[in-house]
C-alpha atoms as a PDB file:
ATOM      1  CA  MET A   1      75.455 119.112  61.703  1.00  0.00           C
ATOM      2  CA  THR A   2      76.291 115.720  60.125  1.00  0.00           C
ATOM      3  CA  ALA A   3      73.373 113.236  60.223  1.00  0.00           C
ATOM      4  CA  VAL A   4      74.227 109.919  61.839  1.00  0.00           C
ATOM      5  CA  PRO A   5      73.342 106.957  59.473  1.00  0.00           C
ATOM      6  CA  LEU A   6      70.340 105.094  60.605  1.00  0.00           C
ATOM      7  CA  GLU A   7      72.349 101.643  60.373  1.00  0.00           C
ATOM      8  CA  THR A   8      75.056 103.044  62.529  1.00  0.00           C
ATOM      9  CA  SER A   9      72.660 104.076  65.431  1.00  0.00           C
ATOM     10  CA  THR A  10      70.794 100.821  65.212  1.00  0.00           C
ATOM     11  CA  ALA A  11      73.775  98.830  65.506  1.00  0.00           C
ATOM     12  CA  ALA A  12      75.153 100.783  68.405  1.00  0.00           C
ATOM     13  CA  ALA A  13      72.025 100.487  70.488  1.00  0.00           C
ATOM     14  CA  PRO A  14      71.860  97.776  73.158  1.00  0.00           C
ATOM     15  CA  ALA A  15      69.939  94.719  72.554  1.00  0.00           C
ATOM     16  CA  ARG A  16      66.446  95.213  73.667  1.00  0.00           C
ATOM     17  CA  GLY A  17      63.761  92.627  74.644  1.00  0.00           C
ATOM     18  CA  PRO A  18      63.984  88.987  75.782  1.00  0.00           C
ATOM     19  CA  ARG A  19      65.114  87.706  72.261  1.00  0.00           C
ATOM     20  CA  GLY A  20      68.263  90.143  72.175  1.00  0.00           C
ATOM     21  CA  LEU A  21      69.270  89.340  75.732  1.00  0.00           C
ATOM     22  CA  LEU A  22      69.183  85.577  75.181  1.00  0.00           C
ATOM     23  CA  TRP A  23      71.122  85.884  71.824  1.00  0.00           C
ATOM     24  CA  ALA A  24      73.692  88.091  73.427  1.00  0.00           C
ATOM     25  CA  MET A  25      74.117  85.638  76.353  1.00  0.00           C
ATOM     26  CA  LEU A  26      74.623  82.691  73.771  1.00  0.00           C
ATOM     27  CA  ARG A  27      77.191  84.708  72.063  1.00  0.00           C
ATOM     28  CA  LEU A  28      79.040  85.386  75.277  1.00  0.00           C
ATOM     29  CA  HIS A  29      79.160  81.909  76.426  1.00  0.00           C
ATOM     30  CA  ARG A  30      79.293  80.302  73.040  1.00  0.00           C
ATOM     31  CA  SER A  31      82.485  78.194  74.212  1.00  0.00           C
ATOM     32  CA  ALA A  32      80.439  76.632  76.799  1.00  0.00           C
ATOM     33  CA  LEU A  33      77.705  75.969  74.501  1.00  0.00           C
ATOM     34  CA  TRP A  34      79.957  74.155  71.954  1.00  0.00           C
ATOM     35  CA  PHE A  35      81.432  72.232  74.789  1.00  0.00           C
ATOM     36  CA  TRP A  36      77.996  71.081  75.952  1.00  0.00           C
ATOM     37  CA  VAL A  37      77.091  70.075  72.372  1.00  0.00           C
ATOM     38  CA  MET A  38      80.359  67.996  71.793  1.00  0.00           C
ATOM     39  CA  LEU A  39      79.830  66.447  75.218  1.00  0.00           C
ATOM     40  CA  VAL A  40      76.255  65.453  74.332  1.00  0.00           C
ATOM     41  CA  ALA A  41      77.380  64.059  70.972  1.00  0.00           C
ATOM     42  CA  VAL A  42      80.092  61.971  72.685  1.00  0.00           C
ATOM     43  CA  GLY A  43      77.643  60.508  75.051  1.00  0.00           C
ATOM     44  CA  VAL A  44      75.131  59.838  72.361  1.00  0.00           C
ATOM     45  CA  GLY A  45      77.703  58.316  70.064  1.00  0.00           C
ATOM     46  CA  THR A  46      79.067  56.026  72.499  1.00  0.00           C
ATOM     47  CA  LEU A  47      75.656  54.765  73.757  1.00  0.00           C
ATOM     48  CA  LEU A  48      74.431  54.177  70.334  1.00  0.00           C
ATOM     49  CA  TRP A  49      77.723  52.132  69.524  1.00  0.00           C
ATOM     50  CA  ALA A  50      77.280  50.182  72.691  1.00  0.00           C
ATOM     51  CA  TYR A  51      73.506  49.595  71.684  1.00  0.00           C
ATOM     52  CA  GLY A  52      74.499  48.426  68.191  1.00  0.00           C
ATOM     53  CA  PRO A  53      77.941  47.247  66.950  1.00  0.00           C
ATOM     54  CA  GLY A  54      79.362  46.961  70.693  1.00  0.00           C
ATOM     55  CA  ALA A  55      76.726  44.572  71.903  1.00  0.00           C
ATOM     56  CA  ASP A  56      76.893  42.501  68.613  1.00  0.00           C
ATOM     57  CA  ALA A  57      80.645  42.279  68.888  1.00  0.00           C
ATOM     58  CA  ALA A  58      80.503  41.145  72.539  1.00  0.00           C
ATOM     59  CA  TRP A  59      77.906  38.602  71.818  1.00  0.00           C
ATOM     60  CA  ALA A  60      79.957  37.101  68.870  1.00  0.00           C
ATOM     61  CA  GLU A  61      83.078  37.038  71.119  1.00  0.00           C
ATOM     62  CA  TYR A  62      81.124  35.197  73.727  1.00  0.00           C
ATOM     63  CA  ARG A  63      79.892  32.533  71.443  1.00  0.00           C
ATOM     64  CA  ARG A  64      83.423  32.174  69.942  1.00  0.00           C
ATOM     65  CA  VAL A  65      84.984  31.451  73.458  1.00  0.00           C
ATOM     66  CA  GLY A  66      82.236  28.810  74.121  1.00  0.00           C
ATOM     67  CA  CYS A  67      79.798  30.843  76.160  1.00  0.00           C
ATOM     68  CA  GLY A  68      76.115  29.751  75.594  1.00  0.00           C
ATOM     69  CA  GLY A  69      74.812  33.259  75.354  1.00  0.00           C
ATOM     70  CA  THR A  70      72.503  33.455  78.513  1.00  0.00           C
ATOM     71  CA  ALA A  71      72.882  35.223  81.726  1.00  0.00           C
ATOM     72  CA  ALA A  72      74.078  32.113  83.576  1.00  0.00           C
ATOM     73  CA  ASP A  73      76.665  31.309  81.009  1.00  0.00           C
ATOM     74  CA  LEU A  74      78.236  34.891  80.869  1.00  0.00           C
ATOM     75  CA  GLY A  75      80.345  34.150  84.144  1.00  0.00           C
ATOM     76  CA  CYS A  76      82.420  31.666  82.108  1.00  0.00           C
ATOM     77  CA  ASP A  77      84.455  34.775  80.564  1.00  0.00           C
ATOM     78  CA  PHE A  78      83.365  38.310  80.989  1.00  0.00           C
ATOM     79  CA  THR A  79      86.875  39.822  80.413  1.00  0.00           C
ATOM     80  CA  VAL A  80      86.967  39.492  76.631  1.00  0.00           C
ATOM     81  CA  PRO A  81      88.112  42.457  74.837  1.00  0.00           C
ATOM     82  CA  ALA A  82      84.939  42.981  72.998  1.00  0.00           C
ATOM     83  CA  TYR A  83      82.936  43.122  76.218  1.00  0.00           C
ATOM     84  CA  SER A  84      85.661  45.454  77.761  1.00  0.00           C
ATOM     85  CA  ARG A  85      84.898  47.851  74.932  1.00  0.00           C
ATOM     86  CA  TYR A  86      81.251  47.536  75.327  1.00  0.00           C
ATOM     87  CA  ASP A  87      81.483  48.184  79.041  1.00  0.00           C
ATOM     88  CA  THR A  88      83.868  51.101  78.486  1.00  0.00           C
ATOM     89  CA  ALA A  89      81.284  52.677  76.122  1.00  0.00           C
ATOM     90  CA  VAL A  90      78.452  52.204  78.499  1.00  0.00           C
ATOM     91  CA  GLY A  91      80.579  53.581  81.267  1.00  0.00           C
ATOM     92  CA  ILE A  92      81.443  56.847  79.294  1.00  0.00           C
ATOM     93  CA  GLY A  93      77.691  57.550  78.450  1.00  0.00           C
ATOM     94  CA  ALA A  94      76.679  57.116  82.147  1.00  0.00           C
ATOM     95  CA  GLY A  95      79.767  58.902  83.306  1.00  0.00           C
ATOM     96  CA  ILE A  96      78.837  61.960  81.434  1.00  0.00           C
ATOM     97  CA  LEU A  97      75.448  62.072  82.926  1.00  0.00           C
ATOM     98  CA  GLY A  98      77.076  61.815  86.369  1.00  0.00           C
ATOM     99  CA  LEU A  99      79.473  64.490  85.533  1.00  0.00           C
ATOM    100  CA  VAL A 100      77.084  66.982  84.267  1.00  0.00           C
ATOM    101  CA  PRO A 101      75.814  68.193  87.758  1.00  0.00           C
ATOM    102  CA  PHE A 102      79.421  69.113  88.934  1.00  0.00           C
ATOM    103  CA  LEU A 103      80.250  70.922  85.450  1.00  0.00           C
ATOM    104  CA  ALA A 104      76.870  72.821  85.553  1.00  0.00           C
ATOM    105  CA  ALA A 105      77.698  73.892  89.184  1.00  0.00           C
ATOM    106  CA  ALA A 106      81.355  74.837  88.587  1.00  0.00           C
ATOM    107  CA  TRP A 107      80.396  76.816  85.311  1.00  0.00           C
ATOM    108  CA  ALA A 108      77.522  78.603  86.731  1.00  0.00           C
ATOM    109  CA  GLY A 109      79.402  79.765  89.849  1.00  0.00           C
ATOM    110  CA  GLY A 110      82.452  80.572  87.693  1.00  0.00           C
ATOM    111  CA  ALA A 111      82.008  81.895  84.286  1.00  0.00           C
ATOM    112  CA  LEU A 112      78.165  82.402  84.100  1.00  0.00           C
ATOM    113  CA  ILE A 113      77.719  84.502  87.345  1.00  0.00           C
ATOM    114  CA  GLY A 114      80.960  84.954  89.316  1.00  0.00           C
ATOM    115  CA  ARG A 115      83.088  86.215  86.233  1.00  0.00           C
ATOM    116  CA  GLU A 116      80.420  88.683  85.010  1.00  0.00           C
ATOM    117  CA  LEU A 117      80.044  90.250  88.386  1.00  0.00           C
ATOM    118  CA  GLU A 118      83.795  90.254  88.934  1.00  0.00           C
ATOM    119  CA  SER A 119      84.528  92.018  85.619  1.00  0.00           C
ATOM    120  CA  GLY A 120      81.667  94.451  85.980  1.00  0.00           C
ATOM    121  CA  THR A 121      79.711  93.108  82.762  1.00  0.00           C
ATOM    122  CA  ALA A 122      76.745  92.441  84.623  1.00  0.00           C
ATOM    123  CA  GLN A 123      76.573  95.812  86.267  1.00  0.00           C
ATOM    124  CA  LEU A 124      76.987  97.478  82.896  1.00  0.00           C
ATOM    125  CA  ALA A 125      74.078  95.342  81.354  1.00  0.00           C
ATOM    126  CA  TRP A 126      71.902  96.469  84.479  1.00  0.00           C
ATOM    127  CA  THR A 127      72.576 100.246  83.666  1.00  0.00           C
ATOM    128  CA  GLN A 128      71.251  99.849  80.061  1.00  0.00           C
ATOM    129  CA  SER A 129      67.911  98.192  79.133  1.00  0.00           C
ATOM    130  CA  VAL A 130      68.432  94.958  80.995  1.00  0.00           C
ATOM    131  CA  THR A 131      66.995  94.802  84.571  1.00  0.00           C
ATOM    132  CA  PRO A 132      68.705  92.679  87.265  1.00  0.00           C
ATOM    133  CA  ALA A 133      65.764  90.329  87.290  1.00  0.00           C
ATOM    134  CA  ARG A 134      65.743  89.760  83.514  1.00  0.00           C
ATOM    135  CA  TRP A 135      69.546  89.354  83.406  1.00  0.00           C
ATOM    136  CA  LEU A 136      69.267  86.629  86.264  1.00  0.00           C
ATOM    137  CA  ALA A 137      66.228  84.989  84.594  1.00  0.00           C
ATOM    138  CA  ALA A 138      67.928  84.796  81.187  1.00  0.00           C
ATOM    139  CA  LYS A 139      71.121  83.235  83.040  1.00  0.00           C
ATOM    140  CA  LEU A 140      68.955  80.527  84.448  1.00  0.00           C
ATOM    141  CA  ALA A 141      66.490  79.890  81.515  1.00  0.00           C
ATOM    142  CA  VAL A 142      68.703  79.303  78.551  1.00  0.00           C
ATOM    143  CA  PRO A 143      71.343  77.007  80.382  1.00  0.00           C
ATOM    144  CA  ALA A 144      68.306  75.118  82.113  1.00  0.00           C
ATOM    145  CA  ALA A 145      66.730  74.481  78.773  1.00  0.00           C
ATOM    146  CA  LEU A 146      70.072  73.217  77.141  1.00  0.00           C
ATOM    147  CA  LEU A 147      70.840  70.961  80.099  1.00  0.00           C
ATOM    148  CA  THR A 148      67.378  69.540  80.294  1.00  0.00           C
ATOM    149  CA  ALA A 149      67.321  68.733  76.605  1.00  0.00           C
ATOM    150  CA  GLY A 150      70.846  67.138  76.596  1.00  0.00           C
ATOM    151  CA  SER A 151      70.353  65.273  79.641  1.00  0.00           C
ATOM    152  CA  LEU A 152      66.888  63.832  78.494  1.00  0.00           C
ATOM    153  CA  VAL A 153      68.433  62.537  75.249  1.00  0.00           C
ATOM    154  CA  LEU A 154      71.242  60.873  77.188  1.00  0.00           C
ATOM    155  CA  THR A 155      69.018  59.377  79.830  1.00  0.00           C
ATOM    156  CA  LEU A 156      66.640  57.865  77.112  1.00  0.00           C
ATOM    157  CA  LEU A 157      69.458  56.332  75.207  1.00  0.00           C
ATOM    158  CA  HIS A 158      71.022  54.949  78.517  1.00  0.00           C
ATOM    159  CA  ARG A 159      67.767  53.404  79.533  1.00  0.00           C
ATOM    160  CA  LEU A 160      67.162  52.044  76.055  1.00  0.00           C
ATOM    161  CA  LEU A 161      70.505  50.262  76.199  1.00  0.00           C
ATOM    162  CA  TRP A 162      70.318  49.144  79.799  1.00  0.00           C
ATOM    163  CA  SER A 163      66.938  47.634  79.166  1.00  0.00           C
ATOM    164  CA  SER A 164      67.789  45.927  76.023  1.00  0.00           C
ATOM    165  CA  ASP A 165      71.459  44.372  76.739  1.00  0.00           C
ATOM    166  CA  GLY A 166      69.716  41.865  79.150  1.00  0.00           C
ATOM    167  CA  ALA A 167      72.328  39.285  80.076  1.00  0.00           C
ATOM    168  CA  LEU A 168      75.228  41.460  79.081  1.00  0.00           C
ATOM    169  CA  ARG A 169      74.588  43.951  81.949  1.00  0.00           C
ATOM    170  CA  MET A 170      74.316  41.168  84.328  1.00  0.00           C
ATOM    171  CA  ALA A 171      77.901  40.077  83.697  1.00  0.00           C
ATOM    172  CA  MET A 172      79.047  42.789  86.075  1.00  0.00           C
ATOM    173  CA  SER A 173      77.196  43.468  89.384  1.00  0.00           C
ATOM    174  CA  SER A 174      78.080  47.363  89.107  1.00  0.00           C
ATOM    175  CA  ARG A 175      75.181  47.458  86.400  1.00  0.00           C
ATOM    176  CA  ALA A 176      72.503  46.564  88.864  1.00  0.00           C
ATOM    177  CA  TRP A 177      69.377  48.886  88.758  1.00  0.00           C
ATOM    178  CA  HIS A 178      70.157  50.576  92.134  1.00  0.00           C
ATOM    179  CA  HIS A 179      73.909  51.113  91.962  1.00  0.00           C
ATOM    180  CA  GLY A 180      75.386  54.546  91.581  1.00  0.00           C
ATOM    181  CA  ILE A 181      75.360  56.105  88.329  1.00  0.00           C
ATOM    182  CA  THR A 182      73.063  53.527  86.809  1.00  0.00           C
ATOM    183  CA  PHE A 183      70.150  54.553  89.214  1.00  0.00           C
ATOM    184  CA  GLN A 184      70.737  58.303  88.423  1.00  0.00           C
ATOM    185  CA  ALA A 185      71.183  57.764  84.620  1.00  0.00           C
ATOM    186  CA  ASN A 186      68.030  55.539  84.053  1.00  0.00           C
ATOM    187  CA  GLY A 187      65.453  58.060  85.189  1.00  0.00           C
ATOM    188  CA  THR A 188      64.634  61.614  85.806  1.00  0.00           C
ATOM    189  CA  LEU A 189      67.375  62.179  88.440  1.00  0.00           C
ATOM    190  CA  ALA A 190      69.929  62.770  85.832  1.00  0.00           C
ATOM    191  CA  THR A 191      68.183  66.012  84.775  1.00  0.00           C
ATOM    192  CA  ALA A 192      67.118  66.938  88.239  1.00  0.00           C
ATOM    193  CA  TYR A 193      70.784  66.880  89.362  1.00  0.00           C
ATOM    194  CA  ALA A 194      71.883  68.907  86.401  1.00  0.00           C
ATOM    195  CA  LEU A 195      69.347  71.586  87.185  1.00  0.00           C
ATOM    196  CA  LEU A 196      70.391  71.579  90.743  1.00  0.00           C
ATOM    197  CA  GLY A 197      73.905  71.957  89.777  1.00  0.00           C
ATOM    198  CA  LEU A 198      73.027  75.133  87.611  1.00  0.00           C
ATOM    199  CA  ALA A 199      70.799  76.703  90.591  1.00  0.00           C
ATOM    200  CA  VAL A 200      73.446  75.958  93.071  1.00  0.00           C
ATOM    201  CA  GLY A 201      76.229  77.567  90.998  1.00  0.00           C
ATOM    202  CA  VAL A 202      74.131  80.623  90.222  1.00  0.00           C
ATOM    203  CA  LEU A 203      73.422  81.205  94.031  1.00  0.00           C
ATOM    204  CA  VAL A 204      77.039  80.750  94.911  1.00  0.00           C
ATOM    205  CA  GLY A 205      78.262  82.826  92.123  1.00  0.00           C
ATOM    206  CA  LEU A 206      76.050  85.734  93.459  1.00  0.00           C
ATOM    207  CA  LEU A 207      77.209  85.264  96.930  1.00  0.00           C
ATOM    208  CA  GLN A 208      80.917  85.090  96.016  1.00  0.00           C
ATOM    209  CA  ARG A 209      80.953  87.644  93.008  1.00  0.00           C
ATOM    210  CA  ARG A 210      84.333  86.240  91.746  1.00  0.00           C
ATOM    211  CA  ALA A 211      84.915  83.454  89.182  1.00  0.00           C
ATOM    212  CA  LEU A 212      87.384  81.012  90.845  1.00  0.00           C
ATOM    213  CA  PRO A 213      85.847  80.978  94.468  1.00  0.00           C
ATOM    214  CA  GLY A 214      82.412  80.593  92.790  1.00  0.00           C
ATOM    215  CA  LEU A 215      83.664  77.675  90.634  1.00  0.00           C
ATOM    216  CA  ALA A 216      85.167  75.855  93.731  1.00  0.00           C
ATOM    217  CA  ILE A 217      82.643  76.397  96.292  1.00  0.00           C
ATOM    218  CA  ALA A 218      79.779  75.644  93.868  1.00  0.00           C
ATOM    219  CA  THR A 219      81.355  72.283  92.973  1.00  0.00           C
ATOM    220  CA  ALA A 220      81.894  71.574  96.678  1.00  0.00           C
ATOM    221  CA  ALA A 221      78.256  72.540  97.614  1.00  0.00           C
ATOM    222  CA  GLN A 222      76.971  70.202  94.795  1.00  0.00           C
ATOM    223  CA  MET A 223      79.072  67.376  96.038  1.00  0.00           C
ATOM    224  CA  ALA A 224      77.790  67.782  99.569  1.00  0.00           C
ATOM    225  CA  LEU A 225      74.085  68.028  98.410  1.00  0.00           C
ATOM    226  CA  MET A 226      74.348  64.948  96.410  1.00  0.00           C
ATOM    227  CA  ALA A 227      75.992  62.983  99.138  1.00  0.00           C
ATOM    228  CA  VAL A 228      73.191  63.883 101.548  1.00  0.00           C
ATOM    229  CA  THR A 229      70.367  62.837  99.029  1.00  0.00           C
ATOM    230  CA  VAL A 230      72.198  59.689  98.055  1.00  0.00           C
ATOM    231  CA  ALA A 231      72.536  58.719 101.753  1.00  0.00           C
ATOM    232  CA  LEU A 232      68.791  59.566 102.124  1.00  0.00           C
ATOM    233  CA  ARG A 233      67.825  57.388  98.944  1.00  0.00           C
ATOM    234  CA  PRO A 234      67.230  54.080 100.665  1.00  0.00           C
ATOM    235  CA  HIS A 235      64.944  55.725 103.245  1.00  0.00           C
ATOM    236  CA  LEU A 236      62.634  57.558 100.804  1.00  0.00           C
ATOM    237  CA  TRP A 237      60.279  54.581 100.380  1.00  0.00           C
ATOM    238  CA  PRO A 238      59.011  51.739 102.629  1.00  0.00           C
ATOM    239  CA  VAL A 239      61.316  48.677 102.579  1.00  0.00           C
ATOM    240  CA  GLU A 240      60.188  45.180 101.991  1.00  0.00           C
ATOM    241  CA  THR A 241      61.760  42.483 104.427  1.00  0.00           C
ATOM    242  CA  LEU A 242      62.877  38.890 103.815  1.00  0.00           C
ATOM    243  CA  THR A 243      63.451  36.442 106.871  1.00  0.00           C
ATOM    244  CA  ASN A 244      65.126  33.103 107.090  1.00  0.00           C
ATOM    245  CA  LYS A 245      65.497  30.711 109.915  1.00  0.00           C
ATOM    246  CA  ASP A 246      68.892  29.222 109.387  1.00  0.00           C
ATOM    247  CA  GLU A 247      70.844  31.887 107.395  1.00  0.00           C
ATOM    248  CA  TYR A 248      70.507  35.353 105.917  1.00  0.00           C
ATOM    249  CA  PRO A 249      68.138  35.754 103.001  1.00  0.00           C
ATOM    250  CA  PRO A 250      69.682  36.100  99.748  1.00  0.00           C
ATOM    251  CA  PHE A 251      70.899  39.637  98.540  1.00  0.00           C
ATOM    252  CA  ILE A 252      68.110  40.892  96.306  1.00  0.00           C
ATOM    253  CA  GLY A 253      67.809  44.416  95.081  1.00  0.00           C
ATOM    254  CA  MET A 254      68.964  47.262  97.083  1.00  0.00           C
ATOM    255  CA  VAL A 255      69.757  46.148 100.599  1.00  0.00           C
ATOM    256  CA  VAL A 256      68.990  48.744 103.300  1.00  0.00           C
ATOM    257  CA  GLY A 257      69.915  46.604 106.498  1.00  0.00           C
ATOM    258  CA  ASP A 258      70.060  43.193 107.989  1.00  0.00           C
ATOM    259  CA  GLY A 259      70.518  41.407 111.289  1.00  0.00           C
ATOM    260  CA  ALA A 260      69.286  38.766 113.527  1.00  0.00           C
ATOM    261  CA  LEU A 261      65.740  38.117 115.183  1.00  0.00           C
ATOM    262  CA  THR A 262      65.081  36.903 118.711  1.00  0.00           C
ATOM    263  CA  SER A 263      62.183  34.669 119.873  1.00  0.00           C
ATOM    264  CA  THR A 264      60.128  37.869 120.663  1.00  0.00           C
ATOM    265  CA  GLY A 265      60.630  39.300 117.203  1.00  0.00           C
ATOM    266  CA  ALA A 266      63.130  41.809 118.249  1.00  0.00           C
ATOM    267  CA  ARG A 267      65.846  42.877 115.879  1.00  0.00           C
ATOM    268  CA  VAL A 268      69.464  42.711 117.220  1.00  0.00           C
ATOM    269  CA  GLU A 269      72.802  42.703 115.676  1.00  0.00           C
ATOM    270  CA  ASP A 270      74.214  39.441 114.325  1.00  0.00           C
ATOM    271  CA  PRO A 271      76.212  37.782 117.213  1.00  0.00           C
ATOM    272  CA  ILE A 272      78.187  35.895 114.376  1.00  0.00           C
ATOM    273  CA  CYS A 273      77.978  32.580 115.711  1.00  0.00           C
ATOM    274  CA  VAL A 274      78.712  30.838 112.401  1.00  0.00           C
ATOM    275  CA  ASP A 275      76.286  28.045 112.593  1.00  0.00           C
ATOM    276  CA  ASN A 276      77.059  27.468 116.410  1.00  0.00           C
ATOM    277  CA  ALA A 277      73.712  26.238 117.880  1.00  0.00           C
ATOM    278  CA  LYS A 278      74.708  26.663 121.465  1.00  0.00           C
ATOM    279  CA  CYS A 279      75.882  30.391 120.539  1.00  0.00           C
ATOM    280  CA  LEU A 280      72.565  31.170 118.803  1.00  0.00           C
ATOM    281  CA  ALA A 281      70.486  29.705 121.738  1.00  0.00           C
ATOM    282  CA  GLU A 282      72.680  31.880 124.218  1.00  0.00           C
ATOM    283  CA  HIS A 283      71.732  34.946 122.239  1.00  0.00           C
ATOM    284  CA  ASP A 284      68.080  33.711 121.683  1.00  0.00           C
ATOM    285  CA  ILE A 285      68.639  34.060 117.882  1.00  0.00           C
ATOM    286  CA  VAL A 286      65.918  32.368 115.968  1.00  0.00           C
ATOM    287  CA  GLY A 287      66.395  33.676 112.479  1.00  0.00           C
ATOM    288  CA  PHE A 288      67.721  36.488 110.169  1.00  0.00           C
ATOM    289  CA  TYR A 289      66.197  39.260 108.201  1.00  0.00           C
ATOM    290  CA  ARG A 290      67.091  41.491 105.447  1.00  0.00           C
ATOM    291  CA  ASP A 291      65.555  44.902 104.567  1.00  0.00           C
ATOM    292  CA  TYR A 292      65.766  45.720 100.848  1.00  0.00           C
ATOM    293  CA  HIS A 293      64.088  47.531  97.918  1.00  0.00           C
ATOM    294  CA  PRO A 294      63.007  45.389  94.944  1.00  0.00           C
ATOM    295  CA  SER A 295      63.397  46.428  91.363  1.00  0.00           C
ATOM    296  CA  SER A 296      59.761  47.507  91.509  1.00  0.00           C
ATOM    297  CA  HIS A 297      60.605  50.355  93.848  1.00  0.00           C
ATOM    298  CA  PHE A 298      62.950  51.962  91.157  1.00  0.00           C
ATOM    299  CA  TRP A 299      60.349  54.573  90.087  1.00  0.00           C
ATOM    300  CA  PRO A 300      59.023  55.383  93.535  1.00  0.00           C
ATOM    301  CA  LEU A 301      62.452  55.914  94.863  1.00  0.00           C
ATOM    302  CA  GLN A 302      63.423  57.840  91.504  1.00  0.00           C
ATOM    303  CA  LEU A 303      60.464  60.278  91.685  1.00  0.00           C
ATOM    304  CA  VAL A 304      60.649  61.066  95.450  1.00  0.00           C
ATOM    305  CA  GLU A 305      64.229  61.767  95.118  1.00  0.00           C
ATOM    306  CA  THR A 306      63.787  63.906  92.003  1.00  0.00           C
ATOM    307  CA  GLY A 307      61.036  65.837  93.797  1.00  0.00           C
ATOM    308  CA  ILE A 308      63.489  66.688  96.657  1.00  0.00           C
ATOM    309  CA  VAL A 309      66.150  67.578  94.356  1.00  0.00           C
ATOM    310  CA  LEU A 310      63.945  70.018  92.369  1.00  0.00           C
ATOM    311  CA  ALA A 311      62.704  71.402  95.574  1.00  0.00           C
ATOM    312  CA  VAL A 312      66.018  72.330  96.774  1.00  0.00           C
ATOM    313  CA  ALA A 313      66.875  73.619  93.252  1.00  0.00           C
ATOM    314  CA  GLY A 314      63.802  75.725  93.352  1.00  0.00           C
ATOM    315  CA  LEU A 315      64.717  77.251  96.838  1.00  0.00           C
ATOM    316  CA  ALA A 316      68.371  77.868  95.561  1.00  0.00           C
ATOM    317  CA  VAL A 317      66.650  79.886  92.569  1.00  0.00           C
ATOM    318  CA  LEU A 318      64.342  81.816  94.847  1.00  0.00           C
ATOM    319  CA  ALA A 319      67.310  82.707  97.196  1.00  0.00           C
ATOM    320  CA  ALA A 320      69.227  83.932  94.153  1.00  0.00           C
ATOM    321  CA  PHE A 321      66.502  86.283  93.094  1.00  0.00           C
ATOM    322  CA  ARG A 322      66.131  87.665  96.501  1.00  0.00           C
ATOM    323  CA  LEU A 323      69.698  88.026  97.086  1.00  0.00           C
ATOM    324  CA  LEU A 324      70.075  90.092  93.741  1.00  0.00           C
ATOM    325  CA  ASN A 325      67.067  92.173  94.562  1.00  0.00           C
ATOM    326  CA  ARG A 326      68.473  93.004  98.010  1.00  0.00           C
ATOM    327  CA  ARG A 327      71.757  94.050  96.489  1.00  0.00           C
ATOM    328  CA  THR A 328      70.417  96.089  93.515  1.00  0.00           C
ATOM    329  CA  GLY A 329      67.223  97.308  95.240  1.00  0.00           C
ATOM    330  CA  ALA A 330      65.409  96.440  91.969  1.00  0.00           C
ATOM    331  CA  ALA A 331      62.027  94.554  92.030  1.00  0.00           C
ATOM    332  CA  VAL A 332      62.097  91.067  91.195  1.00  0.00           C
END
């Protein structure tokens, strides 16, 4: 009988233990890993450029065309090429953070889970030294750690830039604290939504067990969930109210609603009398109101929404483990 060399038998043995499983997963999905590293690098590079040379060039060009360098003066010309380049760089950095949740959902539903179930790779791993629960835990833990690390770096840089560029960001109203991607990119929500995308993608991948349907449905599910939470955002914290007798109060912060006030204090729809005293009297209109969130509500709104998003992500993870347990009959 010919003896089998120790080196050959060791190499042929399946990877055992958590470390071997994690390394095997990184090797299997190394293309996605490198894509994520490059995406974070692009975001970091553009935000750092905007924070330094980009902002300096924009200010220099403002002064050259005669702007005084204050927030009030920027309206004289905020279409100069240097500002356009600066704004594009900021948009790229913030846009990456806004895109990550959808990329995470699509990849998790398609390549991470759906493709491995469709090809039988996952079932093969389960017949060796890896239990289904450990397999799924690794599929969640490694991407979650990488997504959290990259998203936090980009969030910190975006917040540093947003808080330091002062009057520059006031040149365009789209950079207000409560608008779209700015609100998401300046706090904990960017990371929370990325983790939600991963959790939703994993659950959908387990349900579909095919790559392309998993990718498409996971992306659509992530879009639907984010649409719901964004719609709920203004109502997650008590609003403040401004009133005015003759006209609407000014737009301040995140406006939630407005209308007219009657003599009894009731809120009614604006009859649009256009300063017609007779019309106002006929409708018993004595003033106007506007409900809004001031900038001091940024963190309360941010943290409440983050808690909701992470709770939904946790439920998706729990559902994924229970579904896997039911299909494999393994203890989770």
